[in-house]
Amino acid sequence: MGMGKWVMILSAAVLALIFCAAGVLFRKKDLFSALNHPLAKKHPNISKRFGTIMICFALIWFFLVLALISS
C-alpha cells in the first residue's frame, strides 16, 4: 500500500469523524429548535433524525471509500 492511499484513508477518516461529531451534536442538542428553524415546528424530532442520517452517511461513506481504495 503506497503513501498516497494512506493519506486518502486518513483524510476520509477525518471527514467521517467530523460528520459523526456533527451528527452526535444534532442528536444531543436540539439545534433546529435552538436556531428557530421552521422545520422544528412542523417536525419536533427533526434534529434526532438529521443527526442519525449524518452519522449513517459518514459511516457508509467511510466504508465505501475504504472499499474503493483497497480494490
N, C-alpha and C. Protein backbone atom coordinates (compact mmCIF):
# COMPACT_ATOMS: atom_id res chain seq x y z
N MET A 1 0.85 -1.17 0.00
CA MET A 1 0.00 0.00 0.00
C MET A 1 0.90 1.24 0.00
N GLY A 2 0.68 2.12 -0.96
CA GLY A 2 1.51 3.31 -1.08
C GLY A 2 1.13 4.39 -0.08
N MET A 3 1.97 5.40 -0.03
CA MET A 3 1.74 6.51 0.90
C MET A 3 0.50 7.31 0.52
N GLY A 4 0.21 7.39 -0.78
CA GLY A 4 -0.97 8.13 -1.24
C GLY A 4 -2.27 7.52 -0.74
N LYS A 5 -2.30 6.19 -0.68
CA LYS A 5 -3.51 5.53 -0.19
C LYS A 5 -3.73 5.81 1.29
N TRP A 6 -2.62 5.84 2.06
CA TRP A 6 -2.75 6.13 3.49
C TRP A 6 -3.25 7.55 3.72
N VAL A 7 -2.81 8.49 2.90
CA VAL A 7 -3.26 9.87 3.02
C VAL A 7 -4.74 9.97 2.69
N MET A 8 -5.18 9.24 1.67
CA MET A 8 -6.60 9.27 1.30
C MET A 8 -7.45 8.62 2.38
N ILE A 9 -6.97 7.52 2.96
CA ILE A 9 -7.72 6.86 4.04
C ILE A 9 -7.79 7.77 5.26
N LEU A 10 -6.68 8.43 5.59
CA LEU A 10 -6.66 9.33 6.73
C LEU A 10 -7.59 10.52 6.53
N SER A 11 -7.59 11.08 5.32
CA SER A 11 -8.49 12.21 5.06
C SER A 11 -9.94 11.78 5.09
N ALA A 12 -10.23 10.57 4.60
CA ALA A 12 -11.60 10.05 4.66
C ALA A 12 -12.02 9.82 6.11
N ALA A 13 -11.09 9.34 6.93
CA ALA A 13 -11.40 9.10 8.34
C ALA A 13 -11.66 10.42 9.07
N VAL A 14 -10.87 11.43 8.78
CA VAL A 14 -11.06 12.73 9.42
C VAL A 14 -12.41 13.32 9.04
N LEU A 15 -12.76 13.27 7.76
CA LEU A 15 -14.06 13.79 7.34
C LEU A 15 -15.21 12.98 7.94
N ALA A 16 -15.05 11.67 8.02
CA ALA A 16 -16.10 10.84 8.63
C ALA A 16 -16.26 11.18 10.11
N LEU A 17 -15.16 11.42 10.80
CA LEU A 17 -15.25 11.81 12.21
C LEU A 17 -15.93 13.16 12.38
N ILE A 18 -15.66 14.08 11.48
CA ILE A 18 -16.32 15.40 11.55
C ILE A 18 -17.82 15.25 11.34
N PHE A 19 -18.21 14.44 10.35
CA PHE A 19 -19.64 14.23 10.10
C PHE A 19 -20.30 13.51 11.27
N CYS A 20 -19.60 12.54 11.86
CA CYS A 20 -20.15 11.83 13.01
C CYS A 20 -20.30 12.76 14.21
N ALA A 21 -19.32 13.62 14.43
CA ALA A 21 -19.40 14.56 15.54
C ALA A 21 -20.56 15.54 15.33
N ALA A 22 -20.74 15.99 14.10
CA ALA A 22 -21.87 16.89 13.82
C ALA A 22 -23.19 16.15 14.02
N GLY A 23 -23.26 14.90 13.61
CA GLY A 23 -24.47 14.11 13.81
C GLY A 23 -24.79 13.90 15.28
N VAL A 24 -23.76 13.62 16.07
CA VAL A 24 -23.96 13.46 17.52
C VAL A 24 -24.41 14.78 18.13
N LEU A 25 -23.82 15.88 17.67
CA LEU A 25 -24.22 17.20 18.17
C LEU A 25 -25.69 17.49 17.85
N PHE A 26 -26.12 17.16 16.63
CA PHE A 26 -27.52 17.36 16.27
C PHE A 26 -28.44 16.46 17.09
N ARG A 27 -27.99 15.23 17.40
CA ARG A 27 -28.82 14.32 18.19
C ARG A 27 -28.92 14.76 19.64
N LYS A 28 -27.82 15.21 20.23
CA LYS A 28 -27.81 15.56 21.65
C LYS A 28 -28.46 16.91 21.92
N LYS A 29 -28.12 17.90 21.13
CA LYS A 29 -28.69 19.24 21.28
C LYS A 29 -29.77 19.40 20.22
N ASP A 30 -30.83 20.01 20.56
CA ASP A 30 -31.91 20.23 19.59
C ASP A 30 -31.59 21.50 18.81
N LEU A 31 -30.68 21.37 17.83
CA LEU A 31 -30.17 22.55 17.14
C LEU A 31 -31.21 23.21 16.23
N PHE A 32 -32.12 22.44 15.67
CA PHE A 32 -33.14 23.05 14.82
C PHE A 32 -34.03 23.99 15.63
N SER A 33 -34.38 23.57 16.83
CA SER A 33 -35.20 24.43 17.69
C SER A 33 -34.39 25.61 18.21
N ALA A 34 -33.13 25.36 18.52
CA ALA A 34 -32.27 26.44 19.04
C ALA A 34 -32.05 27.53 18.00
N LEU A 35 -32.04 27.15 16.74
CA LEU A 35 -31.84 28.13 15.66
C LEU A 35 -33.16 28.66 15.11
N ASN A 36 -34.27 28.29 15.73
CA ASN A 36 -35.62 28.70 15.30
C ASN A 36 -35.87 28.37 13.83
N HIS A 37 -35.51 27.17 13.46
CA HIS A 37 -35.71 26.71 12.09
C HIS A 37 -37.19 26.37 11.89
N PRO A 38 -37.77 26.70 10.73
CA PRO A 38 -39.20 26.41 10.51
C PRO A 38 -39.55 24.92 10.55
N LEU A 39 -38.61 24.04 10.22
CA LEU A 39 -38.90 22.61 10.26
C LEU A 39 -39.08 22.10 11.68
N ALA A 40 -38.52 22.80 12.66
CA ALA A 40 -38.64 22.35 14.05
C ALA A 40 -40.07 22.44 14.53
N LYS A 41 -40.83 23.37 14.00
CA LYS A 41 -42.24 23.49 14.41
C LYS A 41 -43.09 22.40 13.78
N LYS A 42 -42.77 22.04 12.52
CA LYS A 42 -43.55 21.01 11.84
C LYS A 42 -43.18 19.60 12.32
N HIS A 43 -41.88 19.37 12.49
CA HIS A 43 -41.39 18.04 12.86
C HIS A 43 -40.56 18.16 14.13
N PRO A 44 -41.10 17.83 15.28
CA PRO A 44 -40.37 18.04 16.54
C PRO A 44 -39.11 17.17 16.69
N ASN A 45 -39.02 16.04 16.01
CA ASN A 45 -37.85 15.16 16.13
C ASN A 45 -36.88 15.31 14.98
N ILE A 46 -36.90 16.44 14.29
CA ILE A 46 -36.07 16.60 13.10
C ILE A 46 -34.58 16.58 13.43
N SER A 47 -34.19 17.09 14.58
CA SER A 47 -32.77 17.11 14.94
C SER A 47 -32.23 15.70 15.13
N LYS A 48 -33.00 14.84 15.79
CA LYS A 48 -32.54 13.47 16.00
C LYS A 48 -32.47 12.71 14.69
N ARG A 49 -33.44 12.90 13.83
CA ARG A 49 -33.42 12.22 12.53
C ARG A 49 -32.27 12.70 11.68
N PHE A 50 -32.05 14.01 11.65
CA PHE A 50 -30.97 14.57 10.85
C PHE A 50 -29.61 14.10 11.39
N GLY A 51 -29.47 14.05 12.70
CA GLY A 51 -28.23 13.55 13.29
C GLY A 51 -27.98 12.10 12.96
N THR A 52 -29.02 11.29 13.00
CA THR A 52 -28.89 9.88 12.65
C THR A 52 -28.51 9.72 11.19
N ILE A 53 -29.11 10.51 10.32
CA ILE A 53 -28.79 10.45 8.89
C ILE A 53 -27.34 10.86 8.66
N MET A 54 -26.87 11.87 9.37
CA MET A 54 -25.48 12.30 9.21
C MET A 54 -24.50 11.22 9.67
N ILE A 55 -24.80 10.57 10.79
CA ILE A 55 -23.93 9.51 11.29
C ILE A 55 -23.90 8.33 10.31
N CYS A 56 -25.07 7.93 9.84
CA CYS A 56 -25.13 6.82 8.88
C CYS A 56 -24.42 7.17 7.58
N PHE A 57 -24.61 8.40 7.09
CA PHE A 57 -23.93 8.83 5.87
C PHE A 57 -22.42 8.79 6.05
N ALA A 58 -21.93 9.24 7.20
CA ALA A 58 -20.49 9.26 7.45
C ALA A 58 -19.92 7.84 7.47
N LEU A 59 -20.60 6.93 8.13
CA LEU A 59 -20.11 5.56 8.20
C LEU A 59 -20.16 4.86 6.85
N ILE A 60 -21.25 5.03 6.13
CA ILE A 60 -21.36 4.41 4.80
C ILE A 60 -20.31 5.00 3.86
N TRP A 61 -20.14 6.31 3.92
CA TRP A 61 -19.17 6.97 3.05
C TRP A 61 -17.75 6.49 3.36
N PHE A 62 -17.40 6.38 4.64
CA PHE A 62 -16.07 5.95 5.02
C PHE A 62 -15.80 4.52 4.54
N PHE A 63 -16.74 3.61 4.76
CA PHE A 63 -16.52 2.24 4.32
C PHE A 63 -16.53 2.12 2.80
N LEU A 64 -17.29 2.95 2.11
CA LEU A 64 -17.26 2.96 0.65
C LEU A 64 -15.91 3.46 0.16
N VAL A 65 -15.36 4.50 0.77
CA VAL A 65 -14.03 4.98 0.40
C VAL A 65 -12.99 3.90 0.66
N LEU A 66 -13.07 3.22 1.79
CA LEU A 66 -12.14 2.13 2.08
C LEU A 66 -12.23 1.02 1.03
N ALA A 67 -13.43 0.69 0.64
CA ALA A 67 -13.61 -0.37 -0.36
C ALA A 67 -13.06 0.06 -1.72
N LEU A 68 -13.27 1.32 -2.08
CA LEU A 68 -12.77 1.78 -3.37
C LEU A 68 -11.25 1.90 -3.39
N ILE A 69 -10.67 2.31 -2.28
CA ILE A 69 -9.21 2.46 -2.22
C ILE A 69 -8.53 1.09 -2.18
N SER A 70 -9.11 0.16 -1.46
CA SER A 70 -8.47 -1.15 -1.31
C SER A 70 -8.57 -2.01 -2.56
N SER A 71 -9.46 -1.68 -3.46
CA SER A 71 -9.60 -2.50 -4.68
C SER A 71 -8.61 -2.12 -5.75
